[in-house]
Amino acid sequence: MRRYELLFAFLVVVILLGSWALDRIVPVHTVAGGTGSAQAGAAEGAPLSEAWYCPVPTQAGLGSVVRTADLGSGPTVLRLTGLGTGSGTTTTATVAAQSMIGSPVAAPPAPEPAEVEAFGQHTYNYLTTVSPSAGGAASACSQQPGSRWLFAQASTAAGYDTYVLIANPFPEDAVVTVKVLGPNGPNVPPGLGNYSLSPDSQAAIFLGNYYPETASFGLDVTASRGRVFVARLMRVASSDGVRGLSLSLGVPAPSTQWIFAGGQVPSSGSEGIVIANPSNHEALVNESFLVAAGSGAPAGLQNVSIPAGGQISLAASDQVPSGTQHGTVISSANGVPVVAERVTVEGSGLSRGYETVFGTTSWGPSWIVPVGSSAGGTDTLGVVANGLSPATVGVTVVTGTGSSSPSNLANLTVTPGSRASFDLTPYLNGSPGVAVVRASSGSIAIENDVALPSSYRETIETVGTPAG
């Protein structure tokens, strides 16, 4: 072989090895059910790979499961870290096309966050925990590490145990700072500035050890070194009878718009939108409600002031009649972006449930969301529509036994500027799954609510993820 041919062959090998290494460091960021260049590459025979990361709630004996749905046309091979049998060990599994499997999170002390690497098809991954003594929660996993994660709601009040779960799945150190957005403006509690995480590790920061008893505040978690994933776990068991679980990844940036497709003011209890302002400027926000077609929506509040680094709560239960299913839109009137979550306390006396859920920041035609639970319960999909014309919506449900597109869910109509609700319970057979929701016309946002059996007290509320 001639010298230039040897050189050419050497360069090809270097490029291939470099591509493989880059794929391990920066995974392909695809979206469940996505279209475009990634799918075109897969169709042409190029291997499709995805990496999903799930900060895990190992505190207080909470067991959890990562569920993986294969949304493609063929089987997907999974490489699992921090799941199944092993602290730090890697196992493999296969999920059939248009089906779903569950992988239990490894028992503590697992040294690193749960990771799912998928090869072959597009997948969607989420983590769920259901406990008769604590309640239930679900959170999407993430494909995109970041240097900033935000939350509108946290608490160190008595009985409200809040953990910040910070996952560093990469082979370099990370350094993060946890800032509180609260009644006295932005504040970094002692011990939470320049907090170090070793490679391939997860920290669980119990905020009660760092910040005095405070009923409600927001969080701004930033990494000055490395890239991380940050989730918030709240386990509530207060002396006045409130109990529940909340688990959610943070959001990477504030927004000038937050859309909540679900919501129902309880007949007993309260519902509110908690809004935190992580910027250095005052924010002015407007609130509007979306209700069933033909019903008159309350006007909502206008030009509500949120100080820089502060947090407020807007009580929907003071404006929307009890029992009303509704959506809520929060928008910035002066262009200053904010972070928003809905907080619901449902029930009376010593038997009240606690739930939180983020909104989404944009409208879109295609969504995916966790549905159902291992404990059963009733499942309601909330859909709100934007624009001037009705949205026509179809729903596909994927569970461990396969997928179905029931005719009753094939051509659902949602009036623009209104909220519609659809019962998915008959199509789940008491099992967990995911729903793929597509609008053939119009633009929508979605949220799913699973009302667990009465012994659990609460509802698992989960916002949809855009599926390009």
Protein backbone atom coordinates (compact mmCIF):
# COMPACT_ATOMS: atom_id res chain seq x y z
CA MET A 1 0.00 0.00 0.00
CA ARG A 2 1.37 3.44 -0.93
CA ARG A 3 2.30 5.97 1.70
CA TYR A 4 -0.62 8.33 0.89
CA GLU A 5 -3.03 5.37 1.05
CA LEU A 6 -1.70 4.45 4.50
CA LEU A 7 -2.12 8.06 5.59
CA PHE A 8 -5.69 8.17 4.26
CA ALA A 9 -6.60 4.93 6.07
CA PHE A 10 -5.08 6.29 9.29
CA LEU A 11 -7.14 9.49 9.02
CA VAL A 12 -10.36 7.52 8.48
CA VAL A 13 -9.69 5.49 11.64
CA VAL A 14 -8.98 8.65 13.64
CA ILE A 15 -12.23 10.28 12.45
CA LEU A 16 -14.30 7.20 13.32
CA LEU A 17 -12.74 6.93 16.77
CA GLY A 18 -13.26 10.64 17.34
CA SER A 19 -16.93 10.37 16.36
CA TRP A 20 -17.42 7.47 18.74
CA ALA A 21 -15.80 9.40 21.60
CA LEU A 22 -17.84 12.50 20.89
CA ASP A 23 -21.03 10.44 20.94
CA ARG A 24 -20.11 9.22 24.45
CA ILE A 25 -19.38 12.76 25.67
CA VAL A 26 -22.19 14.64 23.92
CA PRO A 27 -25.02 12.21 23.11
CA VAL A 28 -27.34 12.72 20.18
CA HIS A 29 -30.17 14.89 21.47
CA THR A 30 -33.23 13.54 19.78
CA VAL A 31 -36.85 14.11 20.71
CA ALA A 32 -39.35 11.33 21.15
CA GLY A 33 -41.22 10.82 17.94
CA GLY A 34 -38.99 13.39 16.24
CA THR A 35 -38.52 14.04 12.57
CA GLY A 36 -35.76 15.53 10.48
CA SER A 37 -32.09 14.71 10.05
CA ALA A 38 -31.81 12.27 12.97
CA GLN A 39 -34.63 10.09 11.65
CA ALA A 40 -33.38 10.41 8.10
CA GLY A 41 -29.98 9.16 9.25
CA ALA A 42 -31.56 6.18 10.97
CA ALA A 43 -33.58 5.38 7.84
CA GLU A 44 -30.39 5.34 5.80
CA GLY A 45 -28.80 2.79 8.12
CA ALA A 46 -26.85 5.11 10.43
CA PRO A 47 -26.99 3.88 14.06
CA LEU A 48 -29.24 5.99 16.27
CA SER A 49 -28.14 6.45 19.87
CA GLU A 50 -29.63 8.41 22.74
CA ALA A 51 -28.53 8.94 26.34
CA TRP A 52 -31.08 9.80 29.04
CA TYR A 53 -30.21 10.78 32.61
CA CYS A 54 -32.50 10.50 35.63
CA PRO A 55 -31.59 11.94 39.07
CA VAL A 56 -32.98 9.36 41.47
CA PRO A 57 -34.88 9.86 44.77
CA THR A 58 -33.09 7.34 46.99
CA GLN A 59 -33.91 9.30 50.17
CA ALA A 60 -36.22 8.04 52.91
CA GLY A 61 -36.52 4.57 51.46
CA LEU A 62 -38.34 5.66 48.29
CA GLY A 63 -38.04 3.03 45.60
CA SER A 64 -38.38 4.18 42.01
CA VAL A 65 -38.48 2.83 38.47
CA VAL A 66 -37.21 4.23 35.19
CA ARG A 67 -39.64 3.44 32.37
CA THR A 68 -38.46 3.34 28.76
CA ALA A 69 -40.89 3.48 25.83
CA ASP A 70 -39.70 2.47 22.36
CA LEU A 71 -41.45 4.81 19.93
CA GLY A 72 -39.87 3.42 16.77
CA SER A 73 -40.60 0.62 14.34
CA GLY A 74 -38.08 -1.91 15.68
CA PRO A 75 -36.60 -3.14 18.96
CA THR A 76 -34.18 -1.00 20.96
CA VAL A 77 -31.18 -2.26 22.91
CA LEU A 78 -30.64 -0.47 26.22
CA ARG A 79 -27.48 -0.09 28.26
CA LEU A 80 -28.46 0.73 31.85
CA THR A 81 -26.28 2.25 34.57
CA GLY A 82 -27.45 2.62 38.17
CA LEU A 83 -30.50 0.47 37.45
CA GLY A 84 -31.49 -3.08 38.21
CA THR A 85 -28.98 -5.14 40.14
CA GLY A 86 -26.18 -2.85 40.53
CA SER A 87 -24.48 -0.06 42.34
CA GLY A 88 -22.40 1.24 39.47
CA THR A 89 -22.74 -1.87 37.34
CA THR A 90 -23.96 -1.72 33.75
CA THR A 91 -26.66 -4.08 32.52
CA THR A 92 -28.47 -4.47 29.22
CA ALA A 93 -32.10 -4.89 28.21
CA THR A 94 -34.22 -4.87 25.08
CA VAL A 95 -37.54 -3.11 24.60
CA ALA A 96 -39.84 -4.13 21.76
CA ALA A 97 -41.13 -1.67 19.18
CA GLN A 98 -44.06 0.41 20.40
CA SER A 99 -43.78 -1.06 23.88
CA MET A 100 -42.38 -0.12 27.30
CA ILE A 101 -40.31 -1.71 30.06
CA GLY A 102 -39.50 -0.68 33.63
CA SER A 103 -36.05 -0.82 35.23
CA PRO A 104 -35.90 -0.49 39.05
CA VAL A 105 -33.40 2.02 40.36
CA ALA A 106 -30.48 0.30 42.09
CA ALA A 107 -30.67 0.23 45.86
CA PRO A 108 -28.58 2.84 47.69
CA PRO A 109 -25.81 3.65 47.97
CA ALA A 110 -25.79 3.85 44.18
CA PRO A 111 -22.72 5.95 43.32
CA GLU A 112 -24.13 7.64 40.24
CA PRO A 113 -27.42 8.76 38.68
CA ALA A 114 -29.50 6.43 36.59
CA GLU A 115 -28.53 6.44 32.90
CA VAL A 116 -30.30 4.85 29.94
CA GLU A 117 -28.42 4.57 26.65
CA ALA A 118 -30.70 3.50 23.80
CA PHE A 119 -29.49 2.12 20.48
CA GLY A 120 -31.68 1.67 17.42
CA GLN A 121 -34.89 3.67 17.86
CA HIS A 122 -36.24 6.84 19.43
CA THR A 123 -37.25 6.37 23.05
CA TYR A 124 -38.86 8.31 25.87
CA ASN A 125 -37.72 7.82 29.47
CA TYR A 126 -39.24 8.90 32.75
CA LEU A 127 -38.80 8.09 36.42
CA THR A 128 -41.71 7.29 38.69
CA THR A 129 -42.12 6.47 42.35
CA VAL A 130 -45.31 5.24 44.02
CA SER A 131 -45.51 4.56 47.75
CA PRO A 132 -48.64 3.84 49.81
CA SER A 133 -47.12 5.69 52.76
CA ALA A 134 -45.91 8.72 50.81
CA GLY A 135 -47.86 9.13 47.55
CA GLY A 136 -46.73 9.15 43.94
CA ALA A 137 -44.74 11.26 41.50
CA ALA A 138 -43.32 11.09 37.98
CA SER A 139 -40.68 13.12 36.17
CA ALA A 140 -39.31 13.01 32.66
CA CYS A 141 -35.63 12.16 32.38
CA SER A 142 -33.41 14.44 30.31
CA GLN A 143 -31.02 14.19 27.39
CA GLN A 144 -29.53 17.65 27.82
CA PRO A 145 -27.14 18.53 30.66
CA GLY A 146 -26.88 22.18 31.59
CA SER A 147 -25.28 24.83 33.76
CA ARG A 148 -28.53 26.28 35.16
CA TRP A 149 -31.69 24.72 36.61
CA LEU A 150 -34.64 26.62 38.09
CA PHE A 151 -37.59 25.82 40.35
CA ALA A 152 -40.46 28.05 41.42
CA GLN A 153 -41.34 26.06 44.54
CA ALA A 154 -39.47 24.62 47.53
CA SER A 155 -40.08 24.63 51.28
CA THR A 156 -38.31 24.07 54.57
CA ALA A 157 -41.47 24.34 56.69
CA ALA A 158 -42.01 21.65 59.30
CA GLY A 159 -43.03 18.43 57.55
CA TYR A 160 -41.92 19.62 54.11
CA ASP A 161 -38.68 17.77 53.36
CA THR A 162 -37.11 19.25 50.23
CA TYR A 163 -34.07 17.71 48.55
CA VAL A 164 -32.08 19.12 45.64
CA LEU A 165 -30.84 16.14 43.62
CA ILE A 166 -27.76 17.09 41.59
CA ALA A 167 -26.44 14.50 39.15
CA ASN A 168 -22.99 14.70 37.57
CA PRO A 169 -22.75 11.71 35.18
CA PHE A 170 -19.57 12.91 33.49
CA PRO A 171 -15.88 12.10 34.11
CA GLU A 172 -14.97 15.56 35.41
CA ASP A 173 -15.70 17.41 38.64
CA ALA A 174 -18.64 19.80 38.84
CA VAL A 175 -19.12 22.85 41.08
CA VAL A 176 -22.60 24.26 41.72
CA THR A 177 -24.23 27.05 43.72
CA VAL A 178 -27.78 26.86 45.09
CA LYS A 179 -29.51 30.25 45.36
CA VAL A 180 -32.81 30.81 47.16
CA LEU A 181 -35.42 33.11 45.59
CA GLY A 182 -37.59 34.14 48.48
CA PRO A 183 -39.19 36.69 50.76
CA ASN A 184 -35.92 38.55 51.31
CA GLY A 185 -34.72 38.44 47.72
CA PRO A 186 -31.95 36.22 46.33
CA ASN A 187 -29.74 34.51 48.88
CA VAL A 188 -27.07 31.79 48.82
CA PRO A 189 -27.31 29.87 52.11
CA PRO A 190 -23.98 29.13 53.84
CA GLY A 191 -22.59 25.85 52.56
CA LEU A 192 -24.43 25.97 49.23
CA GLY A 193 -21.98 28.19 47.36
CA ASN A 194 -19.41 26.34 45.24
CA TYR A 195 -20.69 22.91 46.23
CA SER A 196 -18.44 20.22 44.69
CA LEU A 197 -19.53 16.98 43.03
CA SER A 198 -17.11 14.27 42.05
CA PRO A 199 -17.32 12.57 38.64
CA ASP A 200 -20.11 10.01 38.07
CA SER A 201 -21.93 10.95 41.27
CA GLN A 202 -25.18 12.33 42.61
CA ALA A 203 -25.66 14.59 45.63
CA ALA A 204 -28.88 14.87 47.62
CA ILE A 205 -28.90 18.22 49.42
CA PHE A 206 -31.48 18.41 52.23
CA LEU A 207 -32.40 22.10 52.26
CA GLY A 208 -33.57 21.98 55.87
CA ASN A 209 -29.92 21.66 56.90
CA TYR A 210 -29.00 24.92 55.16
CA TYR A 211 -32.00 27.27 55.20
CA PRO A 212 -34.33 28.24 58.07
CA GLU A 213 -37.98 27.18 58.17
CA THR A 214 -39.70 29.01 55.32
CA ALA A 215 -43.05 28.10 53.83
CA SER A 216 -42.23 28.76 50.17
CA PHE A 217 -39.34 29.94 48.00
CA GLY A 218 -37.82 29.34 44.57
CA LEU A 219 -34.42 27.91 43.63
CA ASP A 220 -31.76 28.91 41.10
CA VAL A 221 -29.05 26.23 40.77
CA THR A 222 -26.04 27.13 38.62
CA ALA A 223 -22.87 25.23 37.73
CA SER A 224 -19.69 27.26 37.49
CA ARG A 225 -17.83 24.13 36.44
CA GLY A 226 -19.09 21.09 34.57
CA ARG A 227 -22.58 20.19 33.34
CA VAL A 228 -25.22 18.68 35.58
CA PHE A 229 -28.85 17.57 35.86
CA VAL A 230 -30.86 18.91 38.79
CA ALA A 231 -34.16 17.65 40.19
CA ARG A 232 -36.21 18.60 43.24
CA LEU A 233 -37.79 16.03 45.52
CA MET A 234 -40.38 17.14 48.08
CA ARG A 235 -41.74 14.64 50.58
CA VAL A 236 -44.57 16.17 52.56
CA ALA A 237 -45.95 14.73 55.80
CA SER A 238 -47.02 17.67 57.93
CA SER A 239 -48.66 17.66 61.33
CA ASP A 240 -51.78 19.32 59.90
CA GLY A 241 -52.51 16.33 57.63
CA VAL A 242 -50.91 17.29 54.30
CA ARG A 243 -49.07 14.40 52.62
CA GLY A 244 -47.60 13.84 49.20
CA LEU A 245 -44.62 13.55 46.86
CA SER A 246 -43.29 15.95 44.25
CA LEU A 247 -40.46 15.03 41.91
CA SER A 248 -39.38 17.10 38.92
CA LEU A 249 -36.38 18.08 36.88
CA GLY A 250 -35.81 21.81 36.92
CA VAL A 251 -36.15 24.01 33.87
CA PRO A 252 -33.00 25.39 32.21
CA ALA A 253 -34.25 28.96 31.71
CA PRO A 254 -37.03 31.33 32.74
CA SER A 255 -39.70 32.22 30.18
CA THR A 256 -42.12 35.02 29.37
CA GLN A 257 -44.95 32.44 29.04
CA TRP A 258 -46.08 29.41 31.07
CA ILE A 259 -49.00 27.22 29.96
CA PHE A 260 -50.76 24.82 32.36
CA ALA A 261 -53.08 22.50 30.45
CA GLY A 262 -54.36 20.77 33.59
CA GLY A 263 -55.87 22.07 36.77
CA GLN A 264 -59.03 21.64 38.78
CA VAL A 265 -59.86 23.72 41.80
CA PRO A 266 -60.63 21.16 44.53
CA SER A 267 -63.94 21.29 46.35
CA SER A 268 -61.88 21.20 49.56
CA GLY A 269 -58.39 22.66 49.54
CA SER A 270 -56.55 25.17 47.38
CA GLU A 271 -54.83 25.62 44.04
CA GLY A 272 -52.33 28.30 43.13
CA ILE A 273 -49.64 29.24 40.63
CA VAL A 274 -46.30 29.90 42.32
CA ILE A 275 -44.04 32.23 40.32
CA ALA A 276 -40.35 32.97 40.97
CA ASN A 277 -38.36 35.77 39.37
CA PRO A 278 -34.66 34.85 39.02
CA SER A 279 -33.75 38.08 37.19
CA ASN A 280 -32.33 41.35 38.47
CA HIS A 281 -35.45 43.31 37.42
CA GLU A 282 -39.03 43.46 38.64
CA ALA A 283 -41.41 41.27 36.62
CA LEU A 284 -45.04 42.10 35.87
CA VAL A 285 -47.18 39.09 34.99
CA ASN A 286 -50.70 38.51 33.66
CA GLU A 287 -52.87 35.51 34.43
CA SER A 288 -55.62 34.08 32.20
CA PHE A 289 -57.78 30.97 32.45
CA LEU A 290 -58.96 28.46 29.84
CA VAL A 291 -62.15 26.52 30.61
CA ALA A 292 -64.47 24.18 28.71
CA ALA A 293 -65.94 25.51 25.47
CA GLY A 294 -69.06 27.57 26.12
CA SER A 295 -68.15 28.34 29.74
CA GLY A 296 -67.22 31.81 30.85
CA ALA A 297 -63.59 32.03 32.02
CA PRO A 298 -62.64 34.28 34.95
CA ALA A 299 -60.68 37.33 33.92
CA GLY A 300 -57.53 36.50 35.89
CA LEU A 301 -55.13 38.97 37.47
CA GLN A 302 -53.15 41.58 35.54
CA ASN A 303 -49.78 43.31 36.06
CA VAL A 304 -48.92 41.41 39.23
CA SER A 305 -45.52 42.52 40.52
CA ILE A 306 -42.79 40.02 41.38
CA PRO A 307 -39.65 41.64 42.80
CA ALA A 308 -36.21 40.74 41.48
CA GLY A 309 -35.06 37.51 43.11
CA GLY A 310 -38.47 37.04 44.73
CA GLN A 311 -41.47 34.71 44.61
CA ILE A 312 -45.26 35.07 44.85
CA SER A 313 -48.34 32.83 44.68
CA LEU A 314 -51.55 33.50 42.73
CA ALA A 315 -54.54 31.68 44.25
CA ALA A 316 -56.62 30.18 41.44
CA SER A 317 -59.03 28.88 44.08
CA ASP A 318 -59.96 32.50 44.83
CA GLN A 319 -60.94 33.12 41.20
CA VAL A 320 -62.16 29.83 39.65
CA PRO A 321 -65.25 28.04 41.03
CA SER A 322 -64.46 24.83 42.93
CA GLY A 323 -64.64 21.68 40.82
CA THR A 324 -63.90 23.55 37.59
CA GLN A 325 -61.43 21.92 35.23
CA HIS A 326 -59.33 24.65 33.66
CA GLY A 327 -56.05 25.63 32.08
CA THR A 328 -53.95 28.62 33.11
CA VAL A 329 -51.60 30.86 31.13
CA ILE A 330 -49.04 33.09 32.85
CA SER A 331 -47.42 35.74 30.64
CA SER A 332 -44.92 38.49 31.32
CA ALA A 333 -46.37 41.94 30.73
CA ASN A 334 -42.99 43.72 30.73
CA GLY A 335 -40.82 41.06 29.06
CA VAL A 336 -39.00 39.90 32.20
CA PRO A 337 -38.96 36.05 32.17
CA VAL A 338 -40.08 34.05 35.21
CA VAL A 339 -40.51 30.44 36.38
CA ALA A 340 -43.94 29.01 37.29
CA GLU A 341 -45.36 25.87 38.93
CA ARG A 342 -48.86 24.94 40.03
CA VAL A 343 -49.29 23.82 43.65
CA THR A 344 -52.46 22.01 44.77
CA VAL A 345 -53.49 20.93 48.26
CA GLU A 346 -56.62 18.79 48.03
CA GLY A 347 -58.82 17.42 50.80
CA SER A 348 -59.75 18.50 54.29
CA GLY A 349 -58.74 17.92 57.88
CA LEU A 350 -55.97 15.38 58.41
CA SER A 351 -56.33 13.81 54.96
CA ARG A 352 -54.98 16.22 52.36
CA GLY A 353 -52.82 15.54 49.31
CA TYR A 354 -50.00 17.73 47.96
CA GLU A 355 -48.99 18.05 44.29
CA THR A 356 -46.85 20.36 42.16
CA VAL A 357 -46.31 20.54 38.40
CA PHE A 358 -44.42 22.82 36.02
CA GLY A 359 -46.12 24.44 33.06
CA THR A 360 -44.73 24.34 29.54
CA THR A 361 -43.32 27.39 27.79
CA SER A 362 -44.74 27.00 24.26
CA TRP A 363 -47.53 25.59 22.12
CA GLY A 364 -46.92 22.82 19.62
CA PRO A 365 -48.49 20.09 17.47
CA SER A 366 -46.96 16.96 19.06
CA TRP A 367 -46.43 15.91 22.67
CA ILE A 368 -45.58 12.93 24.85
CA VAL A 369 -46.43 12.48 28.52
CA PRO A 370 -46.33 9.73 31.18
CA VAL A 371 -49.76 8.24 31.92
CA GLY A 372 -51.18 5.70 34.36
CA SER A 373 -49.38 4.22 37.36
CA SER A 374 -48.41 0.87 38.86
CA ALA A 375 -51.03 1.53 41.56
CA GLY A 376 -53.84 2.03 39.06
CA GLY A 377 -56.18 4.99 39.52
CA THR A 378 -58.06 7.13 37.03
CA ASP A 379 -56.27 9.03 34.29
CA THR A 380 -57.28 12.38 32.78
CA LEU A 381 -55.50 14.04 29.85
CA GLY A 382 -55.90 17.81 29.81
CA VAL A 383 -55.51 19.59 26.46
CA VAL A 384 -55.64 23.33 25.76
CA ALA A 385 -55.67 24.86 22.27
CA ASN A 386 -54.21 28.08 20.94
CA GLY A 387 -55.06 30.05 17.82
CA LEU A 388 -58.23 30.91 15.94
CA SER A 389 -59.32 27.48 14.64
CA PRO A 390 -60.14 24.23 16.47
CA ALA A 391 -57.40 21.69 17.09
CA THR A 392 -57.97 18.11 15.93
CA VAL A 393 -56.12 15.73 18.20
CA GLY A 394 -55.26 12.01 18.12
CA VAL A 395 -53.84 9.97 21.01
CA THR A 396 -51.70 6.81 20.94
CA VAL A 397 -51.16 4.94 24.21
CA VAL A 398 -48.00 2.85 24.73
CA THR A 399 -47.78 0.38 27.63
CA GLY A 400 -45.84 -2.77 28.46
CA THR A 401 -48.20 -4.80 26.26
CA GLY A 402 -47.80 -2.65 23.15
CA SER A 403 -49.44 0.40 21.62
CA SER A 404 -52.98 1.28 20.65
CA SER A 405 -54.68 4.18 18.90
CA PRO A 406 -58.30 3.82 20.02
CA SER A 407 -60.89 5.13 17.60
CA ASN A 408 -62.48 7.09 20.45
CA LEU A 409 -59.23 9.04 20.76
CA ALA A 410 -58.52 9.47 17.03
CA ASN A 411 -60.28 12.74 16.17
CA LEU A 412 -60.75 14.75 19.34
CA THR A 413 -61.72 18.39 18.95
CA VAL A 414 -60.44 21.15 21.20
CA THR A 415 -61.93 24.62 20.76
CA PRO A 416 -59.30 27.38 20.54
CA GLY A 417 -58.81 29.24 23.78
CA SER A 418 -60.43 26.47 25.83
CA ARG A 419 -59.60 23.40 27.92
CA ALA A 420 -60.76 19.87 27.07
CA SER A 421 -60.39 16.72 29.19
CA PHE A 422 -60.20 13.11 28.00
CA ASP A 423 -60.39 9.94 30.07
CA LEU A 424 -57.52 7.54 29.29
CA THR A 425 -58.34 5.08 32.08
CA PRO A 426 -60.09 2.47 29.85
CA TYR A 427 -57.02 2.19 27.61
CA LEU A 428 -54.41 1.62 30.33
CA ASN A 429 -55.75 -1.50 32.08
CA GLY A 430 -54.41 -0.25 35.39
CA SER A 431 -50.84 -0.01 34.08
CA PRO A 432 -48.29 2.78 33.56
CA GLY A 433 -47.48 3.98 30.06
CA VAL A 434 -46.98 7.01 27.86
CA ALA A 435 -49.39 8.90 25.63
CA VAL A 436 -48.28 10.35 22.30
CA VAL A 437 -50.60 13.25 21.46
CA ARG A 438 -50.57 14.80 17.99
CA ALA A 439 -52.65 17.64 16.58
CA SER A 440 -53.29 17.27 12.85
CA SER A 441 -54.54 20.85 12.93
CA GLY A 442 -54.10 23.64 15.43
CA SER A 443 -51.56 24.07 18.23
CA ILE A 444 -51.92 22.60 21.70
CA ALA A 445 -50.34 22.01 25.11
CA ILE A 446 -51.03 19.01 27.36
CA GLU A 447 -50.83 17.73 30.93
CA ASN A 448 -51.73 14.35 32.42
CA ASP A 449 -53.25 13.78 35.88
CA VAL A 450 -53.48 10.35 37.51
CA ALA A 451 -55.80 10.30 40.52
CA LEU A 452 -54.31 7.48 42.61
CA PRO A 453 -56.53 5.20 44.71
CA SER A 454 -57.91 6.94 47.80
CA SER A 455 -55.35 5.43 50.17
CA TYR A 456 -52.63 7.42 48.38
CA ARG A 457 -54.55 10.74 48.80
CA GLU A 458 -52.99 12.46 45.82
CA THR A 459 -52.66 12.91 42.07
CA ILE A 460 -49.57 12.41 39.88
CA GLU A 461 -49.50 15.52 37.71
CA THR A 462 -47.10 15.57 34.75
CA VAL A 463 -46.59 18.18 32.04
CA GLY A 464 -46.14 17.04 28.45
CA THR A 465 -42.80 17.10 26.62
CA PRO A 466 -42.73 18.51 23.04
CA ALA A 467 -42.18 15.79 20.44
CA GLY A 468 -40.86 17.38 17.26
